[in-house]
Structure formats: structure tokens, C-alpha cells
Protein backbone atom coordinates (compact mmCIF):
# COMPACT_ATOMS: atom_id res chain seq x y z
CA MET A 1 -0.46 -0.48 -0.49
CA ALA A 2 1.40 3.17 -0.83
CA LEU A 3 2.22 6.08 0.98
CA PRO A 4 -0.27 9.46 0.68
CA LYS A 5 1.64 12.27 -0.73
CA SER A 6 2.01 14.32 2.08
CA ARG A 7 3.30 11.30 4.41
CA ARG A 8 5.76 10.60 0.95
CA ILE A 9 6.74 14.55 0.93
CA LEU A 10 8.03 13.77 4.79
CA ARG A 11 9.68 10.50 4.35
CA LEU A 12 11.78 12.83 2.23
CA LEU A 13 12.67 15.19 3.64
CA THR A 14 13.32 13.41 7.27
CA PRO A 15 16.87 12.44 7.68
CA PRO A 16 17.76 9.28 7.03
CA GLU A 17 19.14 8.78 11.37
CA GLU A 18 15.75 9.99 12.31
CA ARG A 19 13.87 6.97 10.20
CA ALA A 20 11.67 4.57 11.68
CA PRO A 21 14.77 1.75 11.60
CA GLN A 22 14.06 -1.64 8.57
CA ARG A 23 13.27 -4.33 10.91
CA PRO A 24 16.47 -6.85 11.27
CA ARG A 25 16.60 -9.18 7.80
CA ARG A 26 15.55 -12.59 8.95
CA VAL A 27 17.60 -15.71 7.44
CA SER A 28 17.37 -19.63 8.49
CA SER A 29 19.62 -21.71 10.11
CA GLN A 30 18.43 -24.47 7.65
CA SER A 31 20.10 -21.56 5.07
CA LEU A 32 23.02 -21.31 6.74
CA LEU A 33 24.16 -24.99 8.30
CA GLY A 34 22.32 -26.85 5.51
CA SER A 35 22.97 -30.48 5.95
CA ALA A 36 26.15 -29.68 8.01
CA ARG A 37 26.89 -28.85 12.03
CA GLU A 38 28.71 -26.55 12.20
CA VAL A 39 29.58 -23.31 9.86
CA VAL A 40 32.72 -21.05 9.47
CA ILE A 41 31.83 -17.46 9.70
CA ASP A 42 34.31 -14.53 8.08
CA HIS A 43 33.60 -11.16 9.89
CA GLY A 44 35.55 -7.87 10.02
CA GLY A 45 38.74 -9.84 9.83
CA GLU A 46 37.80 -12.22 12.77
CA THR A 47 36.67 -15.84 12.55
CA TYR A 48 33.25 -17.22 14.07
CA ARG A 49 31.50 -20.37 14.52
CA LEU A 50 28.34 -21.24 14.42
CA ARG A 51 27.58 -24.88 15.46
CA HIS A 52 24.32 -26.46 16.23
CA THR A 53 24.34 -29.25 19.17
CA SER A 54 22.86 -32.10 20.30
CA ASN A 55 20.05 -30.29 22.29
CA GLY A 56 19.39 -28.37 19.47
CA TRP A 57 21.05 -24.93 20.53
CA LEU A 58 22.57 -22.88 17.93
CA ILE A 59 26.76 -21.44 19.67
CA LEU A 60 28.77 -19.07 18.07
CA THR A 61 31.77 -18.35 18.79
CA LYS A 62 35.32 -16.86 17.97
């Protein structure tokens, strides 16, 4: 549904830092892990491990 014209103009005039934050992107653990129990994530020059435990927990370690 489109915003009314007055709201669209207000949005264009509002600086990005004052706008309502976007919802975080949702990703399923299945799409990250696939059939593996662990995935290695490189972020900002650091390496992290995301593990799916036998108890069904997700653990992220550095």
C-alpha cells in the first residue's frame, strides 16, 4: 500500500537517522548450516563458528 503524498514528502525530507529503523533480515538456520552441524563465519577480520548442538542449541563462538 502506497503512502499518501504528504507522508511520502515528509519521508523524503526526514534525515535517514531520524527514520524508523528497518526490521532485521530473518534467515533460517537451515539456510546457513544446510546439512552441516557447523559453519565458519568470517567477519571484520575475525573468524566465528556457528554450531548446531545435539541438544538443538545454536552456539556462536569466536
